[in-house]
């Protein structure tokens, strides 16, 4: 369902009106219009283009999915692409949001309903007095919600990495191959997140560089705060990637240590087994030997086997090989 709002002189005057009425409202310099489209058709965007005079390249980008996060500048408007993020169970869900920014209109085009536009509206309504700054304030609220969503995702990923670390050093028997699978999946999510979410800092940075011509100086600290959050998100993402890599390397090293331990055990038992094999082989020769033809020869060989095997077992046990 399309969402529309009309602000005039910093106050909310109407909402839920047809998109076709937008052109009438934008003619009023004191009016600010916002409307939202979810999974629009090409005809829907064509109508918007006619209403606001949008560039056809920007409209094409809004229709094509998997755009990179960016800010494009046209004569009459700006076009911004960002991604809203959330972690649904074990799945990283990134929703593309296209934004058209004109002098007194803000248009949001969502790829699917996975992006909670109602929460953005609640943020705008939490500070109604800020609406007097017009489109730049509405844009700030939208970007602030997007970046806050990144922190929620990163916190959830951080908790999962800590759980992997605890599981890695847990005293549980078995090779725990699931750790290698989980670290691989986590690294894929972080790479995808970094590619589509972290570049938002460039978008906000570009807006800050245009601050003199775009918005009131009173909004500069707000945009600076969002930019600082994007930097923190980028640093957090990089640190998580490094942690996941460390977990993977530690797991591989653990597998090597376990292999060495197994080889020591096998070698120790092989050495113990070699002693009775050697003695019985010696006494099994077809030549006379000390005690040949007498019971004492049997007892001597048996005693040698038991004593030598016991000595080797004690030595290996003290060294931790058994």
C-alpha atoms as a PDB file:
ATOM      1  CA  UNK A   1       0.000   0.000   0.000  1.00  0.00           C
ATOM      2  CA  UNK A   2       1.293   3.458  -0.894  1.00  0.00           C
ATOM      3  CA  UNK A   3       1.884   5.881   1.979  1.00  0.00           C
ATOM      4  CA  UNK A   4       1.630   9.663   1.571  1.00  0.00           C
ATOM      5  CA  UNK A   5       2.110  12.632   3.875  1.00  0.00           C
ATOM      6  CA  UNK A   6       1.864  16.390   3.534  1.00  0.00           C
ATOM      7  CA  UNK A   7       3.690  18.852   5.782  1.00  0.00           C
ATOM      8  CA  UNK A   8       3.068  22.575   5.549  1.00  0.00           C
ATOM      9  CA  UNK A   9       5.100  25.125   7.515  1.00  0.00           C
ATOM     10  CA  UNK A  10       6.561  22.303   9.589  1.00  0.00           C
ATOM     11  CA  UNK A  11       3.228  20.782  10.618  1.00  0.00           C
ATOM     12  CA  UNK A  12       1.583  17.580   9.435  1.00  0.00           C
ATOM     13  CA  UNK A  13      -1.509  18.579   7.455  1.00  0.00           C
ATOM     14  CA  UNK A  14      -2.631  15.450   5.616  1.00  0.00           C
ATOM     15  CA  UNK A  15      -1.761  11.834   4.929  1.00  0.00           C
ATOM     16  CA  UNK A  16      -3.120   8.996   2.866  1.00  0.00           C
ATOM     17  CA  UNK A  17      -3.987  11.176  -0.108  1.00  0.00           C
ATOM     18  CA  UNK A  18      -3.609   9.839  -3.692  1.00  0.00           C
ATOM     19  CA  UNK A  19      -0.201  10.036  -5.323  1.00  0.00           C
ATOM     20  CA  UNK A  20      -1.814  11.839  -8.242  1.00  0.00           C
ATOM     21  CA  UNK A  21      -2.278  14.900  -6.004  1.00  0.00           C
ATOM     22  CA  UNK A  22       1.459  15.232  -5.346  1.00  0.00           C
ATOM     23  CA  UNK A  23       2.096  17.616  -8.212  1.00  0.00           C
ATOM     24  CA  UNK A  24      -0.481  20.031  -6.813  1.00  0.00           C
ATOM     25  CA  UNK A  25       1.150  20.047  -3.374  1.00  0.00           C
ATOM     26  CA  UNK A  26       4.750  20.421  -4.539  1.00  0.00           C
ATOM     27  CA  UNK A  27       3.834  23.662  -6.294  1.00  0.00           C
ATOM     28  CA  UNK A  28       3.423  25.212  -2.847  1.00  0.00           C
ATOM     29  CA  UNK A  29       6.862  26.349  -1.576  1.00  0.00           C
ATOM     30  CA  UNK A  30       5.716  25.931   2.042  1.00  0.00           C
ATOM     31  CA  UNK A  31       4.654  22.306   1.478  1.00  0.00           C
ATOM     32  CA  UNK A  32       6.760  19.157   1.944  1.00  0.00           C
ATOM     33  CA  UNK A  33       5.480  15.882   0.531  1.00  0.00           C
ATOM     34  CA  UNK A  34       6.550  12.336   1.318  1.00  0.00           C
ATOM     35  CA  UNK A  35       5.199   9.225  -0.270  1.00  0.00           C
ATOM     36  CA  UNK A  36       6.305   5.627  -0.172  1.00  0.00           C
ATOM     37  CA  UNK A  37       5.952   2.909  -2.798  1.00  0.00           C
ATOM     38  CA  UNK A  38       6.444  -0.776  -2.049  1.00  0.00           C
ATOM     39  CA  UNK A  39       7.316  -3.073  -4.982  1.00  0.00           C
ATOM     40  CA  UNK A  40       6.025  -0.571  -7.565  1.00  0.00           C
ATOM     41  CA  UNK A  41       5.352  -1.376 -11.188  1.00  0.00           C
ATOM     42  CA  UNK A  42       7.047   0.518 -14.040  1.00  0.00           C
ATOM     43  CA  UNK A  43       3.799   2.417 -14.619  1.00  0.00           C
ATOM     44  CA  UNK A  44       3.769   3.552 -10.972  1.00  0.00           C
ATOM     45  CA  UNK A  45       7.264   4.985 -11.274  1.00  0.00           C
ATOM     46  CA  UNK A  46       6.456   6.517 -14.638  1.00  0.00           C
ATOM     47  CA  UNK A  47       3.632   8.425 -12.996  1.00  0.00           C
ATOM     48  CA  UNK A  48       5.996   9.610 -10.251  1.00  0.00           C
ATOM     49  CA  UNK A  49       8.503  10.698 -12.857  1.00  0.00           C
ATOM     50  CA  UNK A  50       5.864  12.820 -14.549  1.00  0.00           C
ATOM     51  CA  UNK A  51       4.661  14.281 -11.242  1.00  0.00           C
ATOM     52  CA  UNK A  52       8.128  15.312 -10.000  1.00  0.00           C
ATOM     53  CA  UNK A  53      10.160  15.518 -13.191  1.00  0.00           C
ATOM     54  CA  UNK A  54      12.567  12.730 -12.252  1.00  0.00           C
ATOM     55  CA  UNK A  55      15.419  11.707 -14.516  1.00  0.00           C
ATOM     56  CA  UNK A  56      14.726   8.529 -16.496  1.00  0.00           C
ATOM     57  CA  UNK A  57      18.076   6.987 -15.476  1.00  0.00           C
ATOM     58  CA  UNK A  58      17.177   7.324 -11.798  1.00  0.00           C
ATOM     59  CA  UNK A  59      13.793   5.749 -12.472  1.00  0.00           C
ATOM     60  CA  UNK A  60      15.490   2.833 -14.263  1.00  0.00           C
ATOM     61  CA  UNK A  61      17.837   2.303 -11.311  1.00  0.00           C
ATOM     62  CA  UNK A  62      14.872   2.246  -8.937  1.00  0.00           C
ATOM     63  CA  UNK A  63      13.253  -0.488 -11.026  1.00  0.00           C
ATOM     64  CA  UNK A  64      16.394  -2.614 -11.271  1.00  0.00           C
ATOM     65  CA  UNK A  65      17.331  -4.508  -8.127  1.00  0.00           C
ATOM     66  CA  UNK A  66      20.824  -5.161  -6.743  1.00  0.00           C
ATOM     67  CA  UNK A  67      22.071  -1.621  -7.202  1.00  0.00           C
ATOM     68  CA  UNK A  68      25.126  -0.630  -5.231  1.00  0.00           C
ATOM     69  CA  UNK A  69      24.661   1.899  -2.399  1.00  0.00           C
ATOM     70  CA  UNK A  70      25.201   5.279  -4.005  1.00  0.00           C
ATOM     71  CA  UNK A  71      24.191   8.911  -4.340  1.00  0.00           C
ATOM     72  CA  UNK A  72      23.565  10.282  -7.829  1.00  0.00           C
ATOM     73  CA  UNK A  73      23.038  13.978  -8.441  1.00  0.00           C
ATOM     74  CA  UNK A  74      20.697  15.283 -11.159  1.00  0.00           C
ATOM     75  CA  UNK A  75      19.597  18.796 -12.035  1.00  0.00           C
ATOM     76  CA  UNK A  76      16.321  18.699 -10.126  1.00  0.00           C
ATOM     77  CA  UNK A  77      16.865  15.981  -7.545  1.00  0.00           C
ATOM     78  CA  UNK A  78      19.134  13.477  -5.843  1.00  0.00           C
ATOM     79  CA  UNK A  79      18.837   9.717  -6.174  1.00  0.00           C
ATOM     80  CA  UNK A  80      20.034   7.551  -3.263  1.00  0.00           C
ATOM     81  CA  UNK A  81      20.197   3.779  -2.935  1.00  0.00           C
ATOM     82  CA  UNK A  82      20.637   2.179   0.486  1.00  0.00           C
ATOM     83  CA  UNK A  83      19.894  -1.217   2.037  1.00  0.00           C
ATOM     84  CA  UNK A  84      17.944  -1.907   5.168  1.00  0.00           C
ATOM     85  CA  UNK A  85      19.314  -4.905   7.065  1.00  0.00           C
ATOM     86  CA  UNK A  86      17.953  -7.382   9.576  1.00  0.00           C
ATOM     87  CA  UNK A  87      18.961 -10.831  10.771  1.00  0.00           C
ATOM     88  CA  UNK A  88      15.955 -13.137  10.570  1.00  0.00           C
ATOM     89  CA  UNK A  89      16.967 -16.305  12.386  1.00  0.00           C
ATOM     90  CA  UNK A  90      20.165 -17.295  10.634  1.00  0.00           C
ATOM     91  CA  UNK A  91      19.367 -15.442   7.411  1.00  0.00           C
ATOM     92  CA  UNK A  92      20.721 -11.992   6.595  1.00  0.00           C
ATOM     93  CA  UNK A  93      17.905 -10.063   4.922  1.00  0.00           C
ATOM     94  CA  UNK A  94      18.940  -6.942   2.991  1.00  0.00           C
ATOM     95  CA  UNK A  95      16.134  -4.854   1.477  1.00  0.00           C
ATOM     96  CA  UNK A  96      16.941  -2.330  -1.217  1.00  0.00           C
ATOM     97  CA  UNK A  97      15.461   1.148  -0.745  1.00  0.00           C
ATOM     98  CA  UNK A  98      15.612   3.794  -3.480  1.00  0.00           C
ATOM     99  CA  UNK A  99      15.163   7.428  -2.448  1.00  0.00           C
ATOM    100  CA  UNK A 100      14.328  10.439  -4.621  1.00  0.00           C
ATOM    101  CA  UNK A 101      15.114  13.759  -2.960  1.00  0.00           C
ATOM    102  CA  UNK A 102      13.759  16.991  -4.413  1.00  0.00           C
ATOM    103  CA  UNK A 103      13.491  20.455  -2.914  1.00  0.00           C
ATOM    104  CA  UNK A 104      10.167  19.759  -1.209  1.00  0.00           C
ATOM    105  CA  UNK A 105       9.452  16.078  -1.825  1.00  0.00           C
ATOM    106  CA  UNK A 106      10.870  12.787  -0.551  1.00  0.00           C
ATOM    107  CA  UNK A 107      10.013   9.542  -2.337  1.00  0.00           C
ATOM    108  CA  UNK A 108      10.947   6.124  -0.940  1.00  0.00           C
ATOM    109  CA  UNK A 109      10.745   3.023  -3.133  1.00  0.00           C
ATOM    110  CA  UNK A 110      11.055  -0.253  -1.217  1.00  0.00           C
ATOM    111  CA  UNK A 111      11.984  -3.524  -2.837  1.00  0.00           C
ATOM    112  CA  UNK A 112       9.633  -5.473  -0.534  1.00  0.00           C
ATOM    113  CA  UNK A 113       7.745  -5.042   2.770  1.00  0.00           C
ATOM    114  CA  UNK A 114      10.766  -6.322   4.713  1.00  0.00           C
ATOM    115  CA  UNK A 115      11.813  -2.717   5.326  1.00  0.00           C
ATOM    116  CA  UNK A 116       9.696  -1.368   8.206  1.00  0.00           C
ATOM    117  CA  UNK A 117       8.664   2.066   6.961  1.00  0.00           C
ATOM    118  CA  UNK A 118       6.265   2.426   9.898  1.00  0.00           C
ATOM    119  CA  UNK A 119       9.227   2.650  12.264  1.00  0.00           C
ATOM    120  CA  UNK A 120      10.632   5.489  10.164  1.00  0.00           C
ATOM    121  CA  UNK A 121       7.317   7.331  10.458  1.00  0.00           C
ATOM    122  CA  UNK A 122       7.339   6.821  14.233  1.00  0.00           C
ATOM    123  CA  UNK A 123      10.769   8.423  14.394  1.00  0.00           C
ATOM    124  CA  UNK A 124       9.541  11.426  12.462  1.00  0.00           C
ATOM    125  CA  UNK A 125       6.539  11.762  14.752  1.00  0.00           C
ATOM    126  CA  UNK A 126       8.721  11.495  17.881  1.00  0.00           C
ATOM    127  CA  UNK A 127      10.175  14.958  17.077  1.00  0.00           C
ATOM    128  CA  UNK A 128       7.413  16.809  15.235  1.00  0.00           C
ATOM    129  CA  UNK A 129       9.036  20.188  15.864  1.00  0.00           C
ATOM    130  CA  UNK A 130      11.953  19.146  13.629  1.00  0.00           C
ATOM    131  CA  UNK A 131       9.629  18.847  10.642  1.00  0.00           C
ATOM    132  CA  UNK A 132      10.163  22.547   9.998  1.00  0.00           C
ATOM    133  CA  UNK A 133      13.479  21.628   8.388  1.00  0.00           C
ATOM    134  CA  UNK A 134      11.572  19.875   5.620  1.00  0.00           C
ATOM    135  CA  UNK A 135      12.935  17.149   3.348  1.00  0.00           C
ATOM    136  CA  UNK A 136      16.468  17.078   4.873  1.00  0.00           C
ATOM    137  CA  UNK A 137      14.998  16.151   8.268  1.00  0.00           C
ATOM    138  CA  UNK A 138      12.826  13.405   6.781  1.00  0.00           C
ATOM    139  CA  UNK A 139      15.863  12.065   4.929  1.00  0.00           C
ATOM    140  CA  UNK A 140      17.891  12.115   8.143  1.00  0.00           C
ATOM    141  CA  UNK A 141      15.250  10.091   9.978  1.00  0.00           C
ATOM    142  CA  UNK A 142      15.245   7.504   7.204  1.00  0.00           C
ATOM    143  CA  UNK A 143      19.033   7.157   7.079  1.00  0.00           C
ATOM    144  CA  UNK A 144      19.273   7.077  10.862  1.00  0.00           C
ATOM    145  CA  UNK A 145      16.840   4.153  10.983  1.00  0.00           C
ATOM    146  CA  UNK A 146      18.804   2.317   8.286  1.00  0.00           C
ATOM    147  CA  UNK A 147      22.115   2.701  10.127  1.00  0.00           C
ATOM    148  CA  UNK A 148      20.597   1.742  13.495  1.00  0.00           C
ATOM    149  CA  UNK A 149      19.421  -1.459  11.829  1.00  0.00           C
ATOM    150  CA  UNK A 150      23.041  -2.215  10.960  1.00  0.00           C
ATOM    151  CA  UNK A 151      23.970  -2.100  14.636  1.00  0.00           C
ATOM    152  CA  UNK A 152      21.207  -4.572  15.473  1.00  0.00           C
ATOM    153  CA  UNK A 153      22.535  -6.972  12.829  1.00  0.00           C
ATOM    154  CA  UNK A 154      26.147  -6.547  13.921  1.00  0.00           C
ATOM    155  CA  UNK A 155      25.263  -7.105  17.575  1.00  0.00           C
ATOM    156  CA  UNK A 156      23.496 -10.354  16.691  1.00  0.00           C
ATOM    157  CA  UNK A 157      26.490 -11.451  14.587  1.00  0.00           C
ATOM    158  CA  UNK A 158      28.855 -10.516  17.415  1.00  0.00           C
ATOM    159  CA  UNK A 159      26.879 -12.744  19.794  1.00  0.00           C
ATOM    160  CA  UNK A 160      27.081 -15.613  17.305  1.00  0.00           C
ATOM    161  CA  UNK A 161      30.843 -15.207  16.937  1.00  0.00           C
ATOM    162  CA  UNK A 162      31.247 -15.274  20.733  1.00  0.00           C
ATOM    163  CA  UNK A 163      29.155 -18.450  20.854  1.00  0.00           C
ATOM    164  CA  UNK A 164      31.443 -19.967  18.212  1.00  0.00           C
ATOM    165  CA  UNK A 165      34.491 -19.048  20.287  1.00  0.00           C
ATOM    166  CA  UNK A 166      32.985 -20.674  23.389  1.00  0.00           C
ATOM    167  CA  UNK A 167      32.063 -23.769  21.403  1.00  0.00           C
ATOM    168  CA  UNK A 168      35.534 -23.927  19.897  1.00  0.00           C
ATOM    169  CA  UNK A 169      37.233 -24.316  23.273  1.00  0.00           C
ATOM    170  CA  UNK A 170      34.508 -26.354  24.957  1.00  0.00           C
ATOM    171  CA  UNK A 171      35.672 -29.695  26.318  1.00  0.00           C
ATOM    172  CA  UNK A 172      33.443 -31.772  24.055  1.00  0.00           C
ATOM    173  CA  UNK A 173      34.578 -34.950  22.299  1.00  0.00           C
ATOM    174  CA  UNK A 174      34.456 -35.150  18.522  1.00  0.00           C
ATOM    175  CA  UNK A 175      35.887 -33.123  15.660  1.00  0.00           C
ATOM    176  CA  UNK A 176      32.969 -30.607  15.714  1.00  0.00           C
ATOM    177  CA  UNK A 177      32.929 -30.113  11.966  1.00  0.00           C
ATOM    178  CA  UNK A 178      29.913 -27.825  12.415  1.00  0.00           C
ATOM    179  CA  UNK A 179      32.271 -25.055  13.604  1.00  0.00           C
ATOM    180  CA  UNK A 180      33.950 -24.940  10.203  1.00  0.00           C
ATOM    181  CA  UNK A 181      30.568 -24.807   8.472  1.00  0.00           C
ATOM    182  CA  UNK A 182      29.252 -22.044  10.750  1.00  0.00           C
ATOM    183  CA  UNK A 183      32.380 -19.909  10.372  1.00  0.00           C
ATOM    184  CA  UNK A 184      32.164 -20.236   6.584  1.00  0.00           C
ATOM    185  CA  UNK A 185      28.488 -19.172   6.616  1.00  0.00           C
ATOM    186  CA  UNK A 186      29.212 -16.277   8.982  1.00  0.00           C
ATOM    187  CA  UNK A 187      32.038 -15.029   6.771  1.00  0.00           C
ATOM    188  CA  UNK A 188      29.746 -15.098   3.725  1.00  0.00           C
ATOM    189  CA  UNK A 189      27.153 -13.021   5.592  1.00  0.00           C
ATOM    190  CA  UNK A 190      29.749 -10.488   6.682  1.00  0.00           C
ATOM    191  CA  UNK A 191      31.145 -10.159   3.156  1.00  0.00           C
ATOM    192  CA  UNK A 192      27.638  -9.584   1.775  1.00  0.00           C
ATOM    193  CA  UNK A 193      26.817  -7.152   4.563  1.00  0.00           C
ATOM    194  CA  UNK A 194      30.006  -5.197   3.996  1.00  0.00           C
ATOM    195  CA  UNK A 195      29.414  -4.971   0.252  1.00  0.00           C
ATOM    196  CA  UNK A 196      25.835  -3.676   0.493  1.00  0.00           C
ATOM    197  CA  UNK A 197      25.595  -1.910   3.852  1.00  0.00           C
ATOM    198  CA  UNK A 198      28.946  -0.384   4.750  1.00  0.00           C
ATOM    199  CA  UNK A 199      29.129   1.920   1.656  1.00  0.00           C
ATOM    200  CA  UNK A 200      26.297   3.951   3.185  1.00  0.00           C
ATOM    201  CA  UNK A 201      29.031   5.936   4.909  1.00  0.00           C
ATOM    202  CA  UNK A 202      30.005   7.298   1.476  1.00  0.00           C
ATOM    203  CA  UNK A 203      26.400   8.321   0.862  1.00  0.00           C
ATOM    204  CA  UNK A 204      26.155  10.182   4.181  1.00  0.00           C
ATOM    205  CA  UNK A 205      29.602  11.673   3.654  1.00  0.00           C
ATOM    206  CA  UNK A 206      28.503  13.046   0.284  1.00  0.00           C
ATOM    207  CA  UNK A 207      25.424  14.585   1.891  1.00  0.00           C
ATOM    208  CA  UNK A 208      27.611  16.239   4.527  1.00  0.00           C
ATOM    209  CA  UNK A 209      29.813  17.738   1.830  1.00  0.00           C
ATOM    210  CA  UNK A 210      26.676  19.195   0.243  1.00  0.00           C
ATOM    211  CA  UNK A 211      25.341  20.440   3.574  1.00  0.00           C
ATOM    212  CA  UNK A 212      25.782  24.141   2.763  1.00  0.00           C
ATOM    213  CA  UNK A 213      23.521  23.960  -0.290  1.00  0.00           C
ATOM    214  CA  UNK A 214      21.183  21.199   0.912  1.00  0.00           C
ATOM    215  CA  UNK A 215      20.002  21.851   4.468  1.00  0.00           C
ATOM    216  CA  UNK A 216      19.967  24.185   7.420  1.00  0.00           C
ATOM    217  CA  UNK A 217      23.205  24.259   9.463  1.00  0.00           C
ATOM    218  CA  UNK A 218      21.159  23.137  12.463  1.00  0.00           C
ATOM    219  CA  UNK A 219      20.878  19.695  10.865  1.00  0.00           C
ATOM    220  CA  UNK A 220      24.625  19.280  10.336  1.00  0.00           C
ATOM    221  CA  UNK A 221      25.209  17.689  13.783  1.00  0.00           C
ATOM    222  CA  UNK A 222      22.433  15.188  13.053  1.00  0.00           C
ATOM    223  CA  UNK A 223      23.994  14.095   9.783  1.00  0.00           C
ATOM    224  CA  UNK A 224      27.424  14.060  11.419  1.00  0.00           C
ATOM    225  CA  UNK A 225      26.048  11.710  14.065  1.00  0.00           C
ATOM    226  CA  UNK A 226      24.736   9.345  11.379  1.00  0.00           C
ATOM    227  CA  UNK A 227      28.094   9.489   9.607  1.00  0.00           C
ATOM    228  CA  UNK A 228      29.910   8.585  12.832  1.00  0.00           C
ATOM    229  CA  UNK A 229      27.575   5.616  13.231  1.00  0.00           C
ATOM    230  CA  UNK A 230      28.371   4.426   9.712  1.00  0.00           C
ATOM    231  CA  UNK A 231      32.082   4.558  10.532  1.00  0.00           C
ATOM    232  CA  UNK A 232      31.499   2.531  13.691  1.00  0.00           C
ATOM    233  CA  UNK A 233      29.478  -0.002  11.712  1.00  0.00           C
ATOM    234  CA  UNK A 234      32.285  -0.335   9.158  1.00  0.00           C
ATOM    235  CA  UNK A 235      34.911  -0.835  11.867  1.00  0.00           C
ATOM    236  CA  UNK A 236      32.715  -3.338  13.683  1.00  0.00           C
ATOM    237  CA  UNK A 237      32.180  -5.280  10.465  1.00  0.00           C
ATOM    238  CA  UNK A 238      35.908  -5.470   9.790  1.00  0.00           C
ATOM    239  CA  UNK A 239      36.651  -6.602  13.347  1.00  0.00           C
ATOM    240  CA  UNK A 240      34.003  -9.331  13.101  1.00  0.00           C
ATOM    241  CA  UNK A 241      35.480 -10.558   9.822  1.00  0.00           C
ATOM    242  CA  UNK A 242      38.862 -10.762  11.522  1.00  0.00           C
ATOM    243  CA  UNK A 243      37.384 -12.606  14.514  1.00  0.00           C
ATOM    244  CA  UNK A 244      35.648 -15.123  12.252  1.00  0.00           C
ATOM    245  CA  UNK A 245      38.932 -15.678  10.437  1.00  0.00           C
ATOM    246  CA  UNK A 246      40.691 -16.216  13.772  1.00  0.00           C
ATOM    247  CA  UNK A 247      38.055 -18.747  14.845  1.00  0.00           C
ATOM    248  CA  UNK A 248      38.498 -20.628  11.585  1.00  0.00           C
ATOM    249  CA  UNK A 249      42.290 -20.656  11.909  1.00  0.00           C
ATOM    250  CA  UNK A 250      42.054 -21.763  15.546  1.00  0.00           C
ATOM    251  CA  UNK A 251      39.735 -24.599  14.558  1.00  0.00           C
ATOM    252  CA  UNK A 252      42.155 -25.747  11.854  1.00  0.00           C
ATOM    253  CA  UNK A 253      45.039 -25.592  14.353  1.00  0.00           C
ATOM    254  CA  UNK A 254      42.996 -27.605  16.832  1.00  0.00           C
ATOM    255  CA  UNK A 255      42.452 -30.263  14.205  1.00  0.00           C
ATOM    256  CA  UNK A 256      46.226 -30.382  13.664  1.00  0.00           C
ATOM    257  CA  UNK A 257      46.825 -30.715  17.406  1.00  0.00           C
ATOM    258  CA  UNK A 258      44.279 -33.516  17.646  1.00  0.00           C
ATOM    259  CA  UNK A 259      45.947 -35.298  14.731  1.00  0.00           C
ATOM    260  CA  UNK A 260      49.327 -35.029  16.460  1.00  0.00           C
ATOM    261  CA  UNK A 261      47.821 -36.387  19.665  1.00  0.00           C
ATOM    262  CA  UNK A 262      46.272 -39.304  17.816  1.00  0.00           C
ATOM    263  CA  UNK A 263      49.568 -40.060  16.070  1.00  0.00           C
ATOM    264  CA  UNK A 264      51.386 -40.073  19.420  1.00  0.00           C
ATOM    265  CA  UNK A 265      48.874 -42.514  20.857  1.00  0.00           C
ATOM    266  CA  UNK A 266      49.086 -44.804  17.836  1.00  0.00           C
ATOM    267  CA  UNK A 267      52.897 -44.688  17.873  1.00  0.00           C
ATOM    268  CA  UNK A 268      52.999 -45.452  21.601  1.00  0.00           C
ATOM    269  CA  UNK A 269      50.737 -48.474  21.267  1.00  0.00           C
ATOM    270  CA  UNK A 270      52.698 -49.648  18.242  1.00  0.00           C
ATOM    271  CA  UNK A 271      55.918 -49.479  20.286  1.00  0.00           C
ATOM    272  CA  UNK A 272      54.327 -51.471  23.107  1.00  0.00           C
ATOM    273  CA  UNK A 273      52.998 -54.102  20.701  1.00  0.00           C
ATOM    274  CA  UNK A 274      56.391 -54.349  18.987  1.00  0.00           C
ATOM    275  CA  UNK A 275      58.063 -55.619  22.183  1.00  0.00           C
ATOM    276  CA  UNK A 276      56.067 -58.885  22.576  1.00  0.00           C
ATOM    277  CA  UNK A 277      56.257 -59.339  18.814  1.00  0.00           C
ATOM    278  CA  UNK A 278      60.046 -59.142  18.954  1.00  0.00           C
ATOM    279  CA  UNK A 279      60.374 -61.483  21.936  1.00  0.00           C
ATOM    280  CA  UNK A 280      57.949 -64.117  20.639  1.00  0.00           C
ATOM    281  CA  UNK A 281      59.621 -63.881  17.266  1.00  0.00           C
ATOM    282  CA  UNK A 282      62.995 -64.506  18.852  1.00  0.00           C
ATOM    283  CA  UNK A 283      61.773 -67.491  20.836  1.00  0.00           C
ATOM    284  CA  UNK A 284      59.997 -68.805  17.787  1.00  0.00           C
ATOM    285  CA  UNK A 285      63.234 -69.429  15.880  1.00  0.00           C
ATOM    286  CA  UNK A 286      63.994 -72.987  14.801  1.00  0.00           C
ATOM    287  CA  UNK A 287      67.279 -73.040  16.772  1.00  0.00           C
ATOM    288  CA  UNK A 288      67.989 -73.829  20.408  1.00  0.00           C
ATOM    289  CA  UNK A 289      67.763 -70.816  22.732  1.00  0.00           C
ATOM    290  CA  UNK A 290      68.295 -70.377  26.489  1.00  0.00           C
ATOM    291  CA  UNK A 291      65.594 -72.458  28.153  1.00  0.00           C
ATOM    292  CA  UNK A 292      64.806 -74.417  24.998  1.00  0.00           C
ATOM    293  CA  UNK A 293      62.743 -77.507  25.773  1.00  0.00           C
ATOM    294  CA  UNK A 294      62.168 -76.364  29.373  1.00  0.00           C
ATOM    295  CA  UNK A 295      59.243 -74.573  31.041  1.00  0.00           C
ATOM    296  CA  UNK A 296      61.585 -71.903  32.337  1.00  0.00           C
ATOM    297  CA  UNK A 297      62.076 -70.602  28.780  1.00  0.00           C
ATOM    298  CA  UNK A 298      58.348 -69.958  28.455  1.00  0.00           C
ATOM    299  CA  UNK A 299      58.183 -68.112  31.756  1.00  0.00           C
ATOM    300  CA  UNK A 300      61.246 -66.026  30.978  1.00  0.00           C
ATOM    301  CA  UNK A 301      59.806 -64.877  27.644  1.00  0.00           C
ATOM    302  CA  UNK A 302      56.409 -64.169  29.182  1.00  0.00           C
ATOM    303  CA  UNK A 303      57.971 -62.195  32.032  1.00  0.00           C
ATOM    304  CA  UNK A 304      60.083 -60.177  29.562  1.00  0.00           C
ATOM    305  CA  UNK A 305      56.969 -59.304  27.560  1.00  0.00           C
ATOM    306  CA  UNK A 306      54.986 -58.169  30.607  1.00  0.00           C
ATOM    307  CA  UNK A 307      57.813 -56.201  32.244  1.00  0.00           C
ATOM    308  CA  UNK A 308      58.957 -54.431  29.065  1.00  0.00           C
ATOM    309  CA  UNK A 309      55.387 -53.550  28.002  1.00  0.00           C
ATOM    310  CA  UNK A 310      54.638 -52.210  31.489  1.00  0.00           C
ATOM    311  CA  UNK A 311      57.776 -50.052  31.454  1.00  0.00           C
ATOM    312  CA  UNK A 312      56.937 -48.591  28.029  1.00  0.00           C
ATOM    313  CA  UNK A 313      53.318 -47.915  29.036  1.00  0.00           C
ATOM    314  CA  UNK A 314      54.462 -46.075  32.184  1.00  0.00           C
ATOM    315  CA  UNK A 315      56.938 -43.946  30.232  1.00  0.00           C
ATOM    316  CA  UNK A 316      54.398 -42.972  27.539  1.00  0.00           C
ATOM    317  CA  UNK A 317      51.701 -42.283  30.141  1.00  0.00           C
ATOM    318  CA  UNK A 318      53.955 -39.849  32.030  1.00  0.00           C
ATOM    319  CA  UNK A 319      54.728 -37.994  28.809  1.00  0.00           C
ATOM    320  CA  UNK A 320      51.033 -37.687  28.041  1.00  0.00           C
ATOM    321  CA  UNK A 321      51.144 -39.810  24.921  1.00  0.00           C
ATOM    322  CA  UNK A 322      48.530 -42.245  26.218  1.00  0.00           C
END
